[in-house]
Amino acid sequence: MAEYGIHHVISNFSKPSIFEVIGHDNLASSLRAAFLHLFKVKTVFSKKIYCRFFSV
């Protein structure tokens, strides 16, 4: 049954609209900023916890 409907899926691929491209770029840049902030917070938090164990 699935082999009869496969041509409908393949023929529906089209170029993304300008709004989809802009949306993808905005999402990618905001996710990048969020992950950078997350890693900065994690680094500061880790230093506060582990510095008392490894201080010389």
PDB file of N, CA and C in Angstrom:
ATOM      1  N   MET A   1       0.801  -1.191   0.000  1.00  0.00           N
ATOM      2  CA  MET A   1       0.000   0.000   0.000  1.00  0.00           C
ATOM      3  C   MET A   1       0.847   1.260   0.000  1.00  0.00           C
ATOM      4  N   ALA A   2       1.940   1.243   0.761  1.00  0.00           N
ATOM      5  CA  ALA A   2       2.773   2.430   0.882  1.00  0.00           C
ATOM      6  C   ALA A   2       3.473   2.774  -0.432  1.00  0.00           C
ATOM      7  N   GLU A   3       3.764   1.752  -1.230  1.00  0.00           N
ATOM      8  CA  GLU A   3       4.468   2.042  -2.484  1.00  0.00           C
ATOM      9  C   GLU A   3       3.601   2.817  -3.470  1.00  0.00           C
ATOM     10  N   TYR A   4       2.289   2.788  -3.308  1.00  0.00           N
ATOM     11  CA  TYR A   4       1.405   3.546  -4.197  1.00  0.00           C
ATOM     12  C   TYR A   4       1.321   5.017  -3.798  1.00  0.00           C
ATOM     13  N   GLY A   5       1.573   5.323  -2.555  1.00  0.00           N
ATOM     14  CA  GLY A   5       1.470   6.703  -2.088  1.00  0.00           C
ATOM     15  C   GLY A   5       2.801   7.430  -2.033  1.00  0.00           C
ATOM     16  N   ILE A   6       3.897   6.783  -2.366  1.00  0.00           N
ATOM     17  CA  ILE A   6       5.215   7.397  -2.253  1.00  0.00           C
ATOM     18  C   ILE A   6       5.398   8.550  -3.235  1.00  0.00           C
ATOM     19  N   HIS A   7       4.767   8.506  -4.391  1.00  0.00           N
ATOM     20  CA  HIS A   7       4.943   9.578  -5.369  1.00  0.00           C
ATOM     21  C   HIS A   7       4.312  10.888  -4.876  1.00  0.00           C
ATOM     22  N   HIS A   8       3.356  10.817  -3.980  1.00  0.00           N
ATOM     23  CA  HIS A   8       2.764  12.043  -3.436  1.00  0.00           C
ATOM     24  C   HIS A   8       3.733  12.745  -2.499  1.00  0.00           C
ATOM     25  N   VAL A   9       4.501  11.978  -1.772  1.00  0.00           N
ATOM     26  CA  VAL A   9       5.453  12.551  -0.825  1.00  0.00           C
ATOM     27  C   VAL A   9       6.626  13.176  -1.561  1.00  0.00           C
ATOM     28  N   ILE A  10       7.122  12.497  -2.562  1.00  0.00           N
ATOM     29  CA  ILE A  10       8.289  12.978  -3.286  1.00  0.00           C
ATOM     30  C   ILE A  10       7.969  14.246  -4.080  1.00  0.00           C
ATOM     31  N   SER A  11       6.809  14.339  -4.657  1.00  0.00           N
ATOM     32  CA  SER A  11       6.495  15.482  -5.509  1.00  0.00           C
ATOM     33  C   SER A  11       6.137  16.741  -4.716  1.00  0.00           C
ATOM     34  N   ASN A  12       5.938  16.640  -3.404  1.00  0.00           N
ATOM     35  CA  ASN A  12       5.557  17.798  -2.617  1.00  0.00           C
ATOM     36  C   ASN A  12       6.739  18.594  -2.083  1.00  0.00           C
ATOM     37  N   PHE A  13       7.967  18.196  -2.390  1.00  0.00           N
ATOM     38  CA  PHE A  13       9.123  18.957  -1.943  1.00  0.00           C
ATOM     39  C   PHE A  13       9.257  20.212  -2.791  1.00  0.00           C
ATOM     40  N   SER A  14       9.432  21.328  -2.130  1.00  0.00           N
ATOM     41  CA  SER A  14       9.605  22.586  -2.852  1.00  0.00           C
ATOM     42  C   SER A  14      10.631  23.426  -2.121  1.00  0.00           C
ATOM     43  N   LYS A  15      11.000  24.516  -2.727  1.00  0.00           N
ATOM     44  CA  LYS A  15      11.947  25.423  -2.097  1.00  0.00           C
ATOM     45  C   LYS A  15      11.277  26.096  -0.902  1.00  0.00           C
ATOM     46  N   PRO A  16      12.041  26.338   0.155  1.00  0.00           N
ATOM     47  CA  PRO A  16      11.449  27.031   1.300  1.00  0.00           C
ATOM     48  C   PRO A  16      11.179  28.498   0.957  1.00  0.00           C
ATOM     49  N   SER A  17      10.167  29.044   1.595  1.00  0.00           N
ATOM     50  CA  SER A  17       9.861  30.453   1.369  1.00  0.00           C
ATOM     51  C   SER A  17      10.872  31.321   2.103  1.00  0.00           C
ATOM     52  N   ILE A  18      10.880  32.592   1.790  1.00  0.00           N
ATOM     53  CA  ILE A  18      11.811  33.527   2.429  1.00  0.00           C
ATOM     54  C   ILE A  18      11.536  33.598   3.927  1.00  0.00           C
ATOM     55  N   PHE A  19      10.285  33.420   4.324  1.00  0.00           N
ATOM     56  CA  PHE A  19       9.934  33.464   5.739  1.00  0.00           C
ATOM     57  C   PHE A  19      10.492  32.265   6.495  1.00  0.00           C
ATOM     58  N   GLU A  20      10.503  31.108   5.846  1.00  0.00           N
ATOM     59  CA  GLU A  20      11.082  29.926   6.468  1.00  0.00           C
ATOM     60  C   GLU A  20      12.589  30.057   6.607  1.00  0.00           C
ATOM     61  N   VAL A  21      13.237  30.638   5.624  1.00  0.00           N
ATOM     62  CA  VAL A  21      14.690  30.838   5.681  1.00  0.00           C
ATOM     63  C   VAL A  21      15.044  31.811   6.795  1.00  0.00           C
ATOM     64  N   ILE A  22      14.323  32.917   6.868  1.00  0.00           N
ATOM     65  CA  ILE A  22      14.582  33.907   7.923  1.00  0.00           C
ATOM     66  C   ILE A  22      14.284  33.307   9.291  1.00  0.00           C
ATOM     67  N   GLY A  23      13.204  32.559   9.388  1.00  0.00           N
ATOM     68  CA  GLY A  23      12.866  31.912  10.644  1.00  0.00           C
ATOM     69  C   GLY A  23      13.923  30.922  11.088  1.00  0.00           C
ATOM     70  N   HIS A  24      14.475  30.179  10.145  1.00  0.00           N
ATOM     71  CA  HIS A  24      15.527  29.218  10.466  1.00  0.00           C
ATOM     72  C   HIS A  24      16.777  29.939  10.951  1.00  0.00           C
ATOM     73  N   ASP A  25      17.156  31.015  10.297  1.00  0.00           N
ATOM     74  CA  ASP A  25      18.330  31.780  10.708  1.00  0.00           C
ATOM     75  C   ASP A  25      18.140  32.382  12.094  1.00  0.00           C
ATOM     76  N   ASN A  26      16.956  32.926  12.355  1.00  0.00           N
ATOM     77  CA  ASN A  26      16.695  33.503  13.674  1.00  0.00           C
ATOM     78  C   ASN A  26      16.701  32.436  14.758  1.00  0.00           C
ATOM     79  N   LEU A  27      16.140  31.282  14.469  1.00  0.00           N
ATOM     80  CA  LEU A  27      16.134  30.204  15.440  1.00  0.00           C
ATOM     81  C   LEU A  27      17.551  29.720  15.724  1.00  0.00           C
ATOM     82  N   ALA A  28      18.350  29.583  14.688  1.00  0.00           N
ATOM     83  CA  ALA A  28      19.718  29.109  14.862  1.00  0.00           C
ATOM     84  C   ALA A  28      20.536  30.096  15.684  1.00  0.00           C
ATOM     85  N   SER A  29      20.396  31.386  15.420  1.00  0.00           N
ATOM     86  CA  SER A  29      21.178  32.368  16.172  1.00  0.00           C
ATOM     87  C   SER A  29      20.710  32.457  17.625  1.00  0.00           C
ATOM     88  N   SER A  30      19.409  32.337  17.866  1.00  0.00           N
ATOM     89  CA  SER A  30      18.930  32.404  19.248  1.00  0.00           C
ATOM     90  C   SER A  30      19.310  31.153  20.027  1.00  0.00           C
ATOM     91  N   LEU A  31      19.283  29.984  19.380  1.00  0.00           N
ATOM     92  CA  LEU A  31      19.705  28.763  20.066  1.00  0.00           C
ATOM     93  C   LEU A  31      21.194  28.800  20.383  1.00  0.00           C
ATOM     94  N   ARG A  32      21.980  29.357  19.473  1.00  0.00           N
ATOM     95  CA  ARG A  32      23.418  29.466  19.709  1.00  0.00           C
ATOM     96  C   ARG A  32      23.686  30.358  20.913  1.00  0.00           C
ATOM     97  N   ALA A  33      23.004  31.488  20.993  1.00  0.00           N
ATOM     98  CA  ALA A  33      23.179  32.392  22.125  1.00  0.00           C
ATOM     99  C   ALA A  33      22.735  31.724  23.431  1.00  0.00           C
ATOM    100  N   ALA A  34      21.652  30.971  23.385  1.00  0.00           N
ATOM    101  CA  ALA A  34      21.170  30.291  24.583  1.00  0.00           C
ATOM    102  C   ALA A  34      22.161  29.236  25.063  1.00  0.00           C
ATOM    103  N   PHE A  35      22.732  28.471  24.144  1.00  0.00           N
ATOM    104  CA  PHE A  35      23.707  27.466  24.544  1.00  0.00           C
ATOM    105  C   PHE A  35      24.987  28.096  25.070  1.00  0.00           C
ATOM    106  N   LEU A  36      25.427  29.196  24.474  1.00  0.00           N
ATOM    107  CA  LEU A  36      26.614  29.874  24.995  1.00  0.00           C
ATOM    108  C   LEU A  36      26.373  30.367  26.414  1.00  0.00           C
ATOM    109  N   HIS A  37      25.203  30.928  26.668  1.00  0.00           N
ATOM    110  CA  HIS A  37      24.887  31.382  28.019  1.00  0.00           C
ATOM    111  C   HIS A  37      24.820  30.205  28.983  1.00  0.00           C
ATOM    112  N   LEU A  38      24.233  29.112  28.553  1.00  0.00           N
ATOM    113  CA  LEU A  38      24.145  27.914  29.392  1.00  0.00           C
ATOM    114  C   LEU A  38      25.531  27.400  29.763  1.00  0.00           C
ATOM    115  N   PHE A  39      26.436  27.360  28.805  1.00  0.00           N
ATOM    116  CA  PHE A  39      27.791  26.888  29.093  1.00  0.00           C
ATOM    117  C   PHE A  39      28.541  27.842  30.003  1.00  0.00           C
ATOM    118  N   LYS A  40      28.322  29.147  29.856  1.00  0.00           N
ATOM    119  CA  LYS A  40      28.959  30.111  30.752  1.00  0.00           C
ATOM    120  C   LYS A  40      28.470  29.933  32.180  1.00  0.00           C
ATOM    121  N   VAL A  41      27.167  29.769  32.340  1.00  0.00           N
ATOM    122  CA  VAL A  41      26.604  29.554  33.677  1.00  0.00           C
ATOM    123  C   VAL A  41      27.121  28.258  34.272  1.00  0.00           C
ATOM    124  N   LYS A  42      27.177  27.217  33.478  1.00  0.00           N
ATOM    125  CA  LYS A  42      27.674  25.919  33.951  1.00  0.00           C
ATOM    126  C   LYS A  42      29.130  26.022  34.376  1.00  0.00           C
ATOM    127  N   THR A  43      29.927  26.763  33.627  1.00  0.00           N
ATOM    128  CA  THR A  43      31.339  26.921  33.958  1.00  0.00           C
ATOM    129  C   THR A  43      31.504  27.663  35.275  1.00  0.00           C
ATOM    130  N   VAL A  44      30.758  28.741  35.465  1.00  0.00           N
ATOM    131  CA  VAL A  44      30.852  29.492  36.711  1.00  0.00           C
ATOM    132  C   VAL A  44      30.381  28.632  37.880  1.00  0.00           C
ATOM    133  N   PHE A  45      29.298  27.920  37.697  1.00  0.00           N
ATOM    134  CA  PHE A  45      28.773  27.066  38.753  1.00  0.00           C
ATOM    135  C   PHE A  45      29.758  25.955  39.099  1.00  0.00           C
ATOM    136  N   SER A  46      30.377  25.366  38.073  1.00  0.00           N
ATOM    137  CA  SER A  46      31.338  24.286  38.303  1.00  0.00           C
ATOM    138  C   SER A  46      32.568  24.793  39.037  1.00  0.00           C
ATOM    139  N   LYS A  47      33.014  26.006  38.729  1.00  0.00           N
ATOM    140  CA  LYS A  47      34.179  26.561  39.419  1.00  0.00           C
ATOM    141  C   LYS A  47      33.883  26.770  40.896  1.00  0.00           C
ATOM    142  N   LYS A  48      32.665  27.203  41.214  1.00  0.00           N
ATOM    143  CA  LYS A  48      32.313  27.429  42.621  1.00  0.00           C
ATOM    144  C   LYS A  48      32.291  26.117  43.392  1.00  0.00           C
ATOM    145  N   ILE A  49      31.844  25.054  42.760  1.00  0.00           N
ATOM    146  CA  ILE A  49      31.765  23.761  43.456  1.00  0.00           C
ATOM    147  C   ILE A  49      33.125  23.102  43.559  1.00  0.00           C
ATOM    148  N   TYR A  50      33.880  23.060  42.473  1.00  0.00           N
ATOM    149  CA  TYR A  50      35.101  22.271  42.437  1.00  0.00           C
ATOM    150  C   TYR A  50      36.332  23.014  42.924  1.00  0.00           C
ATOM    151  N   CYS A  51      36.269  24.309  43.052  1.00  0.00           N
ATOM    152  CA  CYS A  51      37.451  25.044  43.519  1.00  0.00           C
ATOM    153  C   CYS A  51      37.789  24.696  44.955  1.00  0.00           C
ATOM    154  N   ARG A  52      36.814  24.417  45.799  1.00  0.00           N
ATOM    155  CA  ARG A  52      37.109  24.082  47.185  1.00  0.00           C
ATOM    156  C   ARG A  52      37.743  22.703  47.299  1.00  0.00           C
ATOM    157  N   PHE A  53      37.522  21.827  46.318  1.00  0.00           N
ATOM    158  CA  PHE A  53      38.137  20.505  46.361  1.00  0.00           C
ATOM    159  C   PHE A  53      39.554  20.508  45.786  1.00  0.00           C
ATOM    160  N   PHE A  54      39.804  21.363  44.823  1.00  0.00           N
ATOM    161  CA  PHE A  54      41.081  21.353  44.126  1.00  0.00           C
ATOM    162  C   PHE A  54      41.936  22.569  44.444  1.00  0.00           C
ATOM    163  N   SER A  55      41.591  23.340  45.445  1.00  0.00           N
ATOM    164  CA  SER A  55      42.396  24.526  45.765  1.00  0.00           C
ATOM    165  C   SER A  55      43.702  24.087  46.423  1.00  0.00           C
ATOM    166  N   VAL A  56      44.730  24.813  46.082  1.00  0.00           N
ATOM    167  CA  VAL A  56      46.075  24.465  46.581  1.00  0.00           C
ATOM    168  C   VAL A  56      46.466  25.427  47.669  1.00  0.00           C
TER     169      VAL A  56
END
